Every structure is written in structure tokens, then in C-alpha cells.
Amino acid sequence: MEMHKYIDANRDELVSSLKGLLRIPSIEGNPAPGAPFGSDVRRALDYTLELCRRLGLKAVNVDGYAGYAEIEGCEGEQIGVLTHLDVVPCGPGWTYPPFDAEEKDGVIWARGICDDKGPLVASIYALAALRQSGITPKRNIRLIFGCNEESGWGCIDYYSAHIGLPEVGFSPDADYPIINTEKGIYQGVLSRSVRQGDYAVTVKGGDRPNVVVPEASAVIKGNIDRLAAILLEYDCRNSGIAFTAEGDTLTVTAHGVPAHASTPEKGKNALWALLGLLKTLPLGGEMQELFADLHDKLCRDNDGSAAGLAMKDDISGALTVNMGVMSLEEGTLNVTLDIRYPVTSSSDAVRKLLRRAFPDCSLTDGHIQEPHHTPEQHYLVQALKTVYERRTGKPAYCIAIGGGTYARALKTGVAFGVTRPGEPELAHNTDERMSISYLLEDVHMFADVYRELT
């Protein structure tokens, strides 16, 4: 059967298969035998591999760390298509429950549909369409399914060590047209002990470094009557802050708007609002000075200027900073930053600037990825350009992003899709959603790409 007829004929099955995957809450959990990233992620992997087998593809489980699928018997140069099954936590405020995969007016609402389960299912049905067409590929398209892209890439490290990554490929985990440049990523934890004064203070905000914090809170115990006048005069309403008092305990909650850490300007970080209030309160000890320092250096801009971190280049643009996780418990402060830095810089340069900006803190490295760039002249980029222009009638061009996709795991890799130019970025956001019409367009697009590359 011709590829595009196969896709259209299997439209309902494709949507049903995607909904089934979306209903598995594949947030990383506690490791278990055969499930290094938790039982729900393993369920999502098993579901995906079984779907591939049902569609006639060879499917392999790589010890629960990852999986892959391909057309049985294909030989020649391997082209990787890298997607992932894990998703970030959901946060509050969803219109529909995030794991119900609710369909409304041709749109599916669910955590992970954009990042990255929709593209993953699209890539599978596109390969099934190529198989059904009877075309004998000259190159082997291998779909690789990662299981902890959102929190460390241990899946890809394991796959690389035990199976070996292809040299060339793409990841449909970002934007159209073609992303051939990705900034470096530095995640680090600033830590220090803090002398408390007249009040016992705890602070908590954020679950993942790569998400703009949607909610943060502080609990203050002591003579809270002394703080009443400041609280009543503070513009809590416009700052997104609410507070309650009971006995000697004041609870302050700040609400923000989540976004991906690569584009922090598209969200509203709840920690910014919380620290803005806390620095006005006479809490004694080192509290007020600490909160003022954090707020003044990290909560005034997204490019790190206030902390002396700012840098940019013409290839990839300016550095960005996201304060993604903060905790203050029993006098110990931990702040996790997610920094996306220009391709002409390095993680060493970022580390030195952080130590200079926060000399009283220790700095512990977290997840680090150096910048990535694939030349526009490579045959992969040219093939993607050809298909994109043919299918959309719009010019294809290369762009740089602050996000980190699996493309950077390859010697020659790019990100290709699936957010359209001018469309809002919904990955990592409340009410993540995708239209079924866009999903089907992606399947047709990927099928044409496979045909062009093989």
C-alpha cells in the first residue's frame, strides 16, 4: 500500500494507540529490577515495543533503559530517529486531568503529547507506512526510544555503551523547520548553611531544574505578629502571593506560570515572587540578607546579567538562567540552576562565573551537556529541507535553540519538529496539547523524510 494511503487508513488506530500511551503516567520513579527509571516508565516502554511489533516492526528492549524498532532485515547506514517516553511532572491548574488524554474539538490534552509521545507515535506509524509500501530502503531507519531524557540521559548513555548510537539522525522533540544548533546546558546546585534568627524558616519550590517553577512556598514559625504590617502593605495580589496565619506559623504561597527552562521568559517563576516578599521580612540571622542576595542576582532577569553571568554569540544567542528548584530546610540551602549557554562558551566558563557570583556557596555539578552544531550543508539537513518545503510550501531554514534534544548525542544530528513556527511552546506547560490534524501531518512528514533518506 502507498505510504500516505496507509497513514490515512489507520488514522483512528493511530489516535487510539497514542491515547493509550499518554494514559501511562511515565514520570521517572524509584528504580526496580528491569525498570531503572521506575515502573511507570517501564510500562510505557513495554507498551511502545508491543505497538511496534503489532505493526510488523522488529522491536527490542534494551534492559529497560531504552528500546528500539526498525524494519526487519534492513541493512546499510543506520539513520537514528530519537524520541523519549518519560515526561516531566504535571503541576496544578490543568483544564483536563493530565493523564486522561481527553479529546476536545480535535485536540488531545495530555502531559507528554508534545514532549515527546506524540512525535514518538508519529515516528512509529511513519515507519510502519514505509514498511507497508514495499519500498526496499537503502538505509536502515532505526527508532530509538529513551526513558529518562527529562532527568539525566542515563538511557542514552546506556544505549550508547551497550548497543552503539548511529552517527546520523534526528530527534522530533523541538521545533520546525530544522534545529542544527543547541546551546550548552549546565545544571548545578548552590549550597550553603544558613544561620537562622528569630524565626524558623523553610522554603520549597520546584521539582525539576528544566521547568520554570509554577508554585513555591515558605513556612515561617515565630512571632508572626511582628510581620503583619509588612504583609498587609505588600502587593501580594499582583505578585501572585497568598498567605495564611495560624498560631505562630505563617505560610506563604507564590504562584507562577510554568515553561521550559530553555525559554524562561515564556513563564513566570514563582520563586521570584516568593523571594521578593521574603527579602522584605525582618527574620533575623542571615535570612533577610540571603533572600535579598538570591532575589537580586537571580530574580531580575533571564540572561544572568544581575549575577554577572551574561554572555552571548551570533550563532546561538544569549545565555539564559532558570532557578528550577530551591529548598531551605534545617538551616541548609540548596538552589538548582539550569543554565543554557552559547555554543562558543563552555561549562567551565559558566562554572567559574557562578563561583564568583556566589562565593559563600559550594557548587555541585549536575547534568551537563556541551553545545552541539551540525553543518547546514550535510545531506541530512538538505533532505529535511527538501521534504519540509515540499510538504508545507514554506521555506526551510536552520535555527538555534536553548533546549537540549537527543540530537546532540549524535555525531551529526538535528532536531526536526514538531512545534510549528509561530505556535506557542506547550512542552512542560500546564494544558499541554496537540491537534490531531497536526499529529497526522507529522506522520506524513516523517514518512516522506524516511523515503527521502533511504
Protein backbone atom coordinates (compact mmCIF):
# COMPACT_ATOMS: atom_id res chain seq x y z
CA MET A 1 0.00 0.00 0.00
CA GLU A 2 1.21 3.52 -0.78
CA MET A 3 2.61 5.21 2.35
CA HIS A 4 0.18 8.09 2.68
CA LYS A 5 -2.88 5.94 1.98
CA TYR A 6 -1.74 3.61 4.78
CA ILE A 7 -1.45 6.53 7.20
CA ASP A 8 -4.90 7.87 6.37
CA ALA A 9 -6.46 4.41 6.57
CA ASN A 10 -5.01 3.86 10.05
CA ARG A 11 -5.87 7.28 11.45
CA ASP A 12 -8.24 6.06 14.17
CA GLU A 13 -5.91 3.28 15.27
CA LEU A 14 -3.03 5.75 15.46
CA VAL A 15 -5.00 8.13 17.69
CA SER A 16 -6.13 5.27 19.92
CA SER A 17 -2.57 3.98 20.25
CA LEU A 18 -1.33 7.43 21.22
CA LYS A 19 -4.05 7.87 23.83
CA GLY A 20 -3.12 4.54 25.39
CA LEU A 21 0.49 5.66 25.73
CA LEU A 22 -0.49 9.08 27.08
CA ARG A 23 -2.53 7.44 29.84
CA ILE A 24 0.60 5.87 31.31
CA PRO A 25 2.00 8.43 33.81
CA SER A 26 5.62 7.89 32.83
CA ILE A 27 7.25 10.30 35.26
CA GLU A 28 10.57 8.93 36.49
CA GLY A 29 10.15 6.94 39.69
CA ASN A 30 12.12 4.69 42.00
CA PRO A 31 14.25 2.11 40.22
CA ALA A 32 13.22 -1.53 40.30
CA PRO A 33 14.54 -4.71 38.66
CA GLY A 34 14.21 -4.27 34.92
CA ALA A 35 12.86 -0.75 35.45
CA PRO A 36 15.79 1.58 36.17
CA PHE A 37 13.56 4.67 35.86
CA GLY A 38 10.51 3.32 37.67
CA SER A 39 7.62 1.00 36.91
CA ASP A 40 5.51 3.55 35.00
CA VAL A 41 8.32 4.37 32.58
CA ARG A 42 8.87 0.63 32.06
CA ARG A 43 5.15 0.20 31.33
CA ALA A 44 5.39 2.92 28.69
CA LEU A 45 8.39 1.19 27.12
CA ASP A 46 6.64 -2.19 27.05
CA TYR A 47 3.53 -0.61 25.53
CA THR A 48 5.59 1.07 22.81
CA LEU A 49 7.56 -2.02 21.85
CA GLU A 50 4.38 -4.10 21.67
CA LEU A 51 2.81 -1.46 19.42
CA CYS A 52 5.83 -1.67 17.11
CA ARG A 53 5.59 -5.46 16.93
CA ARG A 54 1.87 -5.27 16.19
CA LEU A 55 2.69 -3.00 13.25
CA GLY A 56 5.19 -5.52 11.88
CA LEU A 57 8.40 -3.90 13.08
CA LYS A 58 11.28 -5.57 14.84
CA ALA A 59 11.33 -4.23 18.43
CA VAL A 60 14.00 -4.69 21.10
CA ASN A 61 14.06 -3.83 24.81
CA VAL A 62 17.49 -2.61 25.94
CA ASP A 63 17.36 -3.76 29.57
CA GLY A 64 14.62 -1.28 30.50
CA TYR A 65 16.89 1.70 29.79
CA ALA A 66 15.70 2.20 26.25
CA GLY A 67 14.26 0.39 23.26
CA TYR A 68 14.46 0.45 19.50
CA ALA A 69 12.45 -0.59 16.46
CA GLU A 70 13.25 -0.99 12.77
CA ILE A 71 12.16 -2.79 9.63
CA GLU A 72 13.32 -6.40 9.85
CA GLY A 73 16.25 -7.17 7.57
CA CYS A 74 17.19 -3.59 6.66
CA GLU A 75 20.87 -3.04 6.10
CA GLY A 76 23.10 -0.16 5.13
CA GLU A 77 23.90 3.04 7.00
CA GLN A 78 21.78 3.49 10.09
CA ILE A 79 19.72 6.67 10.48
CA GLY A 80 18.52 7.26 14.03
CA VAL A 81 15.19 8.80 14.97
CA LEU A 82 15.44 9.52 18.69
CA THR A 83 12.40 10.12 20.89
CA HIS A 84 11.61 9.61 24.57
CA LEU A 85 8.89 8.13 26.76
CA ASP A 86 9.41 9.91 30.07
CA VAL A 87 7.59 13.13 30.93
CA VAL A 88 8.02 15.93 33.44
CA PRO A 89 5.70 16.30 36.47
CA CYS A 90 2.38 17.98 35.76
CA GLY A 91 1.86 20.76 38.32
CA PRO A 92 -1.53 22.31 39.17
CA GLY A 93 -4.17 24.08 37.10
CA TRP A 94 -4.95 21.64 34.28
CA THR A 95 -8.23 22.01 32.41
CA TYR A 96 -8.43 18.22 32.00
CA PRO A 97 -6.59 15.59 34.07
CA PRO A 98 -3.12 15.37 32.51
CA PHE A 99 -3.14 11.59 32.07
CA ASP A 100 -6.70 11.15 30.80
CA ALA A 101 -5.81 12.02 27.18
CA GLU A 102 -9.05 13.95 26.81
CA GLU A 103 -10.05 14.79 23.23
CA LYS A 104 -11.97 18.01 22.69
CA ASP A 105 -12.72 19.60 19.30
CA GLY A 106 -10.00 17.62 17.57
CA VAL A 107 -7.35 18.39 20.20
CA ILE A 108 -5.85 15.92 22.69
CA TRP A 109 -4.89 17.32 26.08
CA ALA A 110 -2.24 15.36 27.98
CA ARG A 111 1.14 15.60 29.60
CA GLY A 112 3.72 14.42 27.09
CA ILE A 113 1.73 14.70 23.88
CA CYS A 114 4.15 17.33 22.53
CA ASP A 115 7.17 16.21 24.52
CA ASP A 116 7.56 13.56 23.29
CA LYS A 117 4.88 10.89 22.95
CA GLY A 118 3.01 12.43 20.03
CA PRO A 119 6.16 12.65 17.88
CA LEU A 120 7.20 9.17 19.06
CA VAL A 121 3.94 7.55 17.91
CA ALA A 122 4.08 9.56 14.69
CA SER A 123 7.58 8.22 14.00
CA ILE A 124 6.37 4.64 14.55
CA TYR A 125 3.39 4.84 12.19
CA ALA A 126 5.54 6.58 9.58
CA LEU A 127 7.99 3.66 9.65
CA ALA A 128 5.13 1.18 9.50
CA ALA A 129 3.87 3.05 6.44
CA LEU A 130 7.29 2.78 4.79
CA ARG A 131 7.30 -0.96 5.50
CA GLN A 132 3.81 -1.45 4.08
CA SER A 133 4.73 0.44 0.90
CA GLY A 134 7.05 -2.36 -0.19
CA ILE A 135 9.97 0.04 -0.73
CA THR A 136 13.34 -1.54 -0.01
CA PRO A 137 15.29 1.10 1.98
CA LYS A 138 18.96 1.66 1.14
CA ARG A 139 19.50 2.96 4.68
CA ASN A 140 18.15 1.49 7.91
CA ILE A 141 15.80 3.81 9.80
CA ARG A 142 16.08 2.89 13.49
CA LEU A 143 13.64 4.38 16.00
CA ILE A 144 15.30 4.75 19.41
CA PHE A 145 13.11 5.24 22.49
CA GLY A 146 14.79 6.77 25.55
CA CYS A 147 13.42 6.53 29.07
CA ASN A 148 14.92 9.41 31.07
CA GLU A 149 15.55 12.27 28.68
CA GLU A 150 13.99 14.73 31.12
CA SER A 151 16.27 13.88 34.02
CA GLY A 152 19.77 12.89 33.09
CA TRP A 153 20.04 10.91 29.82
CA GLY A 154 21.19 7.73 31.57
CA CYS A 155 19.09 5.91 28.98
CA ILE A 156 21.14 7.20 26.07
CA ASP A 157 24.42 6.64 27.90
CA TYR A 158 23.41 3.01 28.46
CA TYR A 159 22.25 2.54 24.88
CA SER A 160 25.46 4.04 23.54
CA ALA A 161 27.61 1.78 25.72
CA HIS A 162 25.70 -1.46 25.05
CA ILE A 163 24.30 -1.05 21.53
CA GLY A 164 26.05 1.92 19.96
CA LEU A 165 24.42 5.05 18.60
CA PRO A 166 24.17 5.78 14.89
CA GLU A 167 26.32 8.63 13.64
CA VAL A 168 23.47 10.40 11.83
CA GLY A 169 19.86 11.11 12.78
CA PHE A 170 17.24 13.49 14.04
CA SER A 171 15.02 14.00 17.06
CA PRO A 172 11.42 15.23 16.64
CA ASP A 173 11.47 16.87 20.05
CA ALA A 174 11.53 20.61 19.41
CA ASP A 175 10.52 22.88 16.53
CA TYR A 176 10.17 23.03 12.77
CA PRO A 177 11.87 23.71 10.43
CA ILE A 178 15.34 22.41 11.44
CA ILE A 179 17.37 22.94 14.60
CA ASN A 180 21.04 22.37 13.83
CA THR A 181 22.44 24.28 16.82
CA GLU A 182 21.77 23.68 20.52
CA LYS A 183 23.21 25.70 23.38
CA GLY A 184 25.21 24.06 26.11
CA ILE A 185 23.39 23.01 29.27
CA TYR A 186 24.79 23.41 32.76
CA GLN A 187 22.77 22.33 35.78
CA GLY A 188 24.39 22.95 39.15
CA VAL A 189 23.42 23.09 42.81
CA LEU A 190 24.42 26.02 45.01
CA SER A 191 24.52 25.00 48.69
CA ARG A 192 25.33 26.63 51.99
CA SER A 193 24.40 26.55 55.65
CA VAL A 194 22.30 29.47 56.84
CA ARG A 195 22.16 30.87 60.37
CA GLN A 196 18.55 31.34 61.33
CA GLY A 197 17.49 34.15 63.65
CA ASP A 198 14.19 34.89 65.37
CA TYR A 199 12.22 32.60 63.07
CA ALA A 200 12.45 29.02 61.82
CA VAL A 201 12.07 29.23 58.04
CA THR A 202 11.60 26.51 55.46
CA VAL A 203 11.27 27.12 51.73
CA LYS A 204 10.32 24.75 48.92
CA GLY A 205 9.84 25.36 45.22
CA GLY A 206 10.21 23.35 42.01
CA ASP A 207 10.56 19.68 41.10
CA ARG A 208 12.86 19.74 38.06
CA PRO A 209 15.65 22.15 37.06
CA ASN A 210 14.37 22.31 33.47
CA VAL A 211 10.92 23.65 34.38
CA VAL A 212 10.08 27.23 35.35
CA VAL A 213 8.64 26.89 38.88
CA PRO A 214 4.82 27.12 38.92
CA GLU A 215 4.43 27.13 42.73
CA ALA A 216 6.67 27.85 45.72
CA SER A 217 6.04 28.18 49.42
CA ALA A 218 7.64 29.27 52.68
CA VAL A 219 6.70 28.33 56.23
CA ILE A 220 7.76 30.80 58.93
CA LYS A 221 7.45 29.99 62.64
CA GLY A 222 7.87 32.55 65.40
CA ASN A 223 6.31 35.82 66.46
CA ILE A 224 4.49 36.39 63.18
CA ASP A 225 2.54 39.36 64.60
CA ARG A 226 5.69 41.42 64.01
CA LEU A 227 5.43 40.67 60.29
CA ALA A 228 1.76 41.60 59.88
CA ALA A 229 2.22 45.25 58.90
CA ILE A 230 4.68 44.40 56.11
CA LEU A 231 2.46 41.63 54.76
CA LEU A 232 -0.62 43.82 54.72
CA GLU A 233 1.17 46.61 52.85
CA TYR A 234 2.84 44.28 50.34
CA ASP A 235 1.20 43.98 46.90
CA CYS A 236 0.51 40.26 47.27
CA ARG A 237 -2.33 40.19 44.77
CA ASN A 238 -0.32 41.42 41.79
CA SER A 239 2.67 39.35 42.86
CA GLY A 240 0.70 36.10 42.81
CA ILE A 241 1.16 35.59 46.55
CA ALA A 242 -1.24 34.31 49.19
CA PHE A 243 -0.63 33.71 52.89
CA THR A 244 -2.34 32.15 55.89
CA ALA A 245 -1.57 32.51 59.60
CA GLU A 246 -2.35 30.03 62.34
CA GLY A 247 -0.91 30.40 65.83
CA ASP A 248 2.80 31.13 65.45
CA THR A 249 3.01 29.82 61.87
CA LEU A 250 2.83 31.85 58.68
CA THR A 251 2.53 30.00 55.36
CA VAL A 252 3.26 31.96 52.19
CA THR A 253 2.48 30.52 48.75
CA ALA A 254 3.51 32.05 45.43
CA HIS A 255 2.01 31.03 42.09
CA GLY A 256 3.71 31.33 38.72
CA VAL A 257 3.40 30.04 35.18
CA PRO A 258 5.44 27.00 34.09
CA ALA A 259 7.58 26.95 30.96
CA HIS A 260 10.58 25.09 29.60
CA ALA A 261 13.87 26.20 31.14
CA SER A 262 15.29 26.89 27.69
CA THR A 263 12.77 29.72 27.33
CA PRO A 264 12.27 31.01 30.88
CA GLU A 265 10.92 34.32 29.58
CA LYS A 266 7.78 32.48 28.47
CA GLY A 267 6.90 31.57 32.06
CA LYS A 268 6.66 33.25 35.43
CA ASN A 269 8.86 31.79 38.14
CA ALA A 270 7.04 31.51 41.48
CA LEU A 271 10.39 31.64 43.31
CA TRP A 272 10.96 35.16 42.02
CA ALA A 273 7.75 36.34 43.67
CA LEU A 274 8.37 34.41 46.88
CA LEU A 275 11.91 35.71 47.35
CA GLY A 276 10.74 39.24 46.53
CA LEU A 277 8.47 39.11 49.56
CA LEU A 278 10.82 37.20 51.87
CA LYS A 279 13.63 39.72 51.45
CA THR A 280 11.37 42.42 52.94
CA LEU A 281 10.72 40.48 56.18
CA PRO A 282 12.96 41.08 59.26
CA LEU A 283 13.57 37.39 60.00
CA GLY A 284 16.90 37.82 61.79
CA GLY A 285 20.06 35.80 61.42
CA GLU A 286 21.21 35.58 57.81
CA MET A 287 17.72 35.13 56.43
CA GLN A 288 16.94 38.56 55.05
CA GLU A 289 20.41 39.01 53.58
CA LEU A 290 20.24 35.57 51.96
CA PHE A 291 16.86 36.13 50.34
CA ALA A 292 17.89 39.57 49.13
CA ASP A 293 21.07 38.19 47.56
CA LEU A 294 19.23 35.41 45.75
CA HIS A 295 16.47 37.72 44.59
CA ASP A 296 18.76 40.49 43.41
CA LYS A 297 21.08 38.16 41.49
CA LEU A 298 18.67 35.57 40.11
CA CYS A 299 15.20 37.11 40.01
CA ARG A 300 15.65 40.27 37.99
CA ASP A 301 16.49 38.97 34.51
CA ASN A 302 16.62 35.76 32.49
CA ASP A 303 20.06 36.34 30.96
CA GLY A 304 22.06 36.25 34.20
CA SER A 305 23.13 39.90 33.98
CA ALA A 306 22.50 40.67 37.64
CA ALA A 307 24.74 37.78 38.69
CA GLY A 308 27.46 38.59 36.19
CA LEU A 309 26.69 35.53 34.08
CA ALA A 310 25.57 37.23 30.87
CA MET A 311 27.17 36.13 27.60
CA LYS A 312 26.00 35.68 24.01
CA ASP A 313 27.15 34.96 20.48
CA ASP A 314 25.81 35.41 16.97
CA ILE A 315 25.33 31.68 16.40
CA SER A 316 23.08 30.77 19.32
CA GLY A 317 22.16 33.99 21.15
CA ALA A 318 22.22 34.83 24.84
CA LEU A 319 22.70 32.72 27.94
CA THR A 320 19.56 32.01 29.99
CA VAL A 321 19.15 31.09 33.66
CA ASN A 322 16.31 29.21 35.33
CA MET A 323 16.16 28.80 39.10
CA GLY A 324 14.38 25.46 38.87
CA VAL A 325 14.50 24.02 42.39
CA MET A 326 15.01 25.61 45.79
CA SER A 327 14.87 24.21 49.29
CA LEU A 328 15.74 25.62 52.70
CA GLU A 329 15.40 23.06 55.45
CA GLU A 330 17.01 22.87 58.88
CA GLY A 331 19.35 25.71 58.02
CA THR A 332 20.63 24.23 54.75
CA LEU A 333 20.00 25.98 51.45
CA ASN A 334 20.06 24.23 48.07
CA VAL A 335 19.33 26.05 44.81
CA THR A 336 19.44 24.18 41.50
CA LEU A 337 20.05 26.30 38.41
CA ASP A 338 19.52 25.34 34.79
CA ILE A 339 21.73 27.47 32.54
CA ARG A 340 21.70 27.37 28.73
CA TYR A 341 24.88 28.94 27.42
CA PRO A 342 26.11 29.94 23.93
CA VAL A 343 27.86 27.44 21.68
CA THR A 344 31.07 29.48 21.72
CA SER A 345 31.37 29.15 25.51
CA SER A 346 31.85 26.17 27.83
CA SER A 347 30.62 24.63 31.05
CA ASP A 348 33.95 25.58 32.67
CA ALA A 349 33.31 29.24 31.91
CA VAL A 350 29.83 29.06 33.40
CA ARG A 351 31.12 27.30 36.50
CA LYS A 352 33.76 29.98 37.12
CA LEU A 353 31.20 32.78 36.83
CA LEU A 354 28.83 31.06 39.25
CA ARG A 355 31.56 30.65 41.86
CA ARG A 356 32.42 34.31 41.51
CA ALA A 357 28.77 35.35 41.88
CA PHE A 358 28.11 33.13 44.92
CA PRO A 359 31.40 32.89 46.85
CA ASP A 360 29.69 31.75 50.07
CA CYS A 361 28.10 28.71 48.39
CA SER A 362 29.53 25.39 47.37
CA LEU A 363 28.75 24.38 43.78
CA THR A 364 27.98 20.81 42.78
CA ASP A 365 27.73 19.86 39.13
CA GLY A 366 24.54 18.23 37.93
CA HIS A 367 23.52 17.39 34.38
CA ILE A 368 25.92 18.92 31.84
CA GLN A 369 25.80 18.87 28.05
CA GLU A 370 28.25 20.71 25.86
CA PRO A 371 26.93 22.67 22.85
CA HIS A 372 26.09 20.96 19.57
CA HIS A 373 26.20 22.08 15.92
CA THR A 374 25.60 20.24 12.64
CA PRO A 375 26.65 21.97 9.38
CA GLU A 376 23.77 23.09 7.18
CA GLN A 377 25.45 21.52 4.14
CA HIS A 378 25.14 17.93 5.45
CA TYR A 379 22.92 15.60 3.41
CA LEU A 380 20.64 15.04 6.43
CA VAL A 381 19.84 18.74 6.72
CA GLN A 382 19.37 19.05 2.97
CA ALA A 383 16.96 16.08 2.91
CA LEU A 384 14.90 17.56 5.74
CA LYS A 385 14.80 20.91 3.98
CA THR A 386 13.56 19.29 0.78
CA VAL A 387 10.74 17.42 2.48
CA TYR A 388 9.68 20.31 4.69
CA GLU A 389 9.41 22.72 1.78
CA ARG A 390 7.60 20.18 -0.38
CA ARG A 391 5.02 19.37 2.28
CA THR A 392 4.43 22.85 3.71
CA GLY A 393 5.16 25.15 0.79
CA LYS A 394 7.19 27.27 3.20
CA PRO A 395 10.94 27.97 3.26
CA ALA A 396 13.07 25.67 5.40
CA TYR A 397 15.83 27.23 7.46
CA CYS A 398 18.13 26.31 10.32
CA ILE A 399 17.75 27.75 13.80
CA ALA A 400 19.47 27.60 17.18
CA ILE A 401 17.73 26.82 20.48
CA GLY A 402 18.46 26.70 24.18
CA GLY A 403 16.78 23.33 24.57
CA GLY A 404 18.68 20.09 24.64
CA THR A 405 17.46 17.23 22.44
CA TYR A 406 18.82 13.79 21.75
CA ALA A 407 20.23 15.21 18.52
CA ARG A 408 23.31 16.31 20.45
CA ALA A 409 24.02 12.69 21.36
CA LEU A 410 24.82 12.02 17.70
CA LYS A 411 27.92 12.99 15.76
CA THR A 412 25.64 14.52 13.14
CA GLY A 413 22.17 15.21 14.46
CA VAL A 414 19.44 17.82 14.31
CA ALA A 415 16.02 18.37 15.83
CA PHE A 416 13.15 18.33 13.36
CA GLY A 417 9.66 19.21 14.61
CA VAL A 418 7.14 19.25 15.94
CA THR A 419 6.14 22.76 17.11
CA ARG A 420 5.23 24.93 14.11
CA PRO A 421 6.74 28.39 13.58
CA GLY A 422 4.69 30.96 15.45
CA GLU A 423 2.86 28.38 17.56
CA PRO A 424 3.07 28.55 21.38
CA GLU A 425 5.55 26.33 23.17
CA LEU A 426 3.45 23.83 25.16
CA ALA A 427 6.11 21.36 26.30
CA HIS A 428 6.48 21.33 30.10
CA ASN A 429 3.48 23.67 30.39
CA THR A 430 0.11 23.30 32.02
CA ASP A 431 -2.51 22.12 29.50
CA GLU A 432 -0.01 20.56 27.11
CA ARG A 433 -2.00 19.63 23.99
CA MET A 434 -1.84 18.89 20.28
CA SER A 435 -4.36 18.84 17.45
CA ILE A 436 -4.94 15.51 15.74
CA SER A 437 -4.56 17.23 12.38
CA TYR A 438 -1.03 18.34 13.33
CA LEU A 439 -0.23 14.82 14.53
CA LEU A 440 -1.27 13.33 11.20
CA GLU A 441 0.73 15.98 9.33
CA ASP A 442 3.77 14.88 11.33
CA VAL A 443 3.25 11.23 10.38
CA HIS A 444 3.09 12.13 6.69
CA MET A 445 6.15 14.40 7.10
CA PHE A 446 8.24 11.71 8.78
CA ALA A 447 7.21 9.09 6.21
CA ASP A 448 8.43 11.37 3.42
CA VAL A 449 11.66 12.02 5.32
CA TYR A 450 12.30 8.28 5.67
CA ARG A 451 11.68 7.84 1.95
CA GLU A 452 13.99 10.76 1.11
CA LEU A 453 16.78 9.42 3.33
CA THR A 454 16.53 5.83 2.12
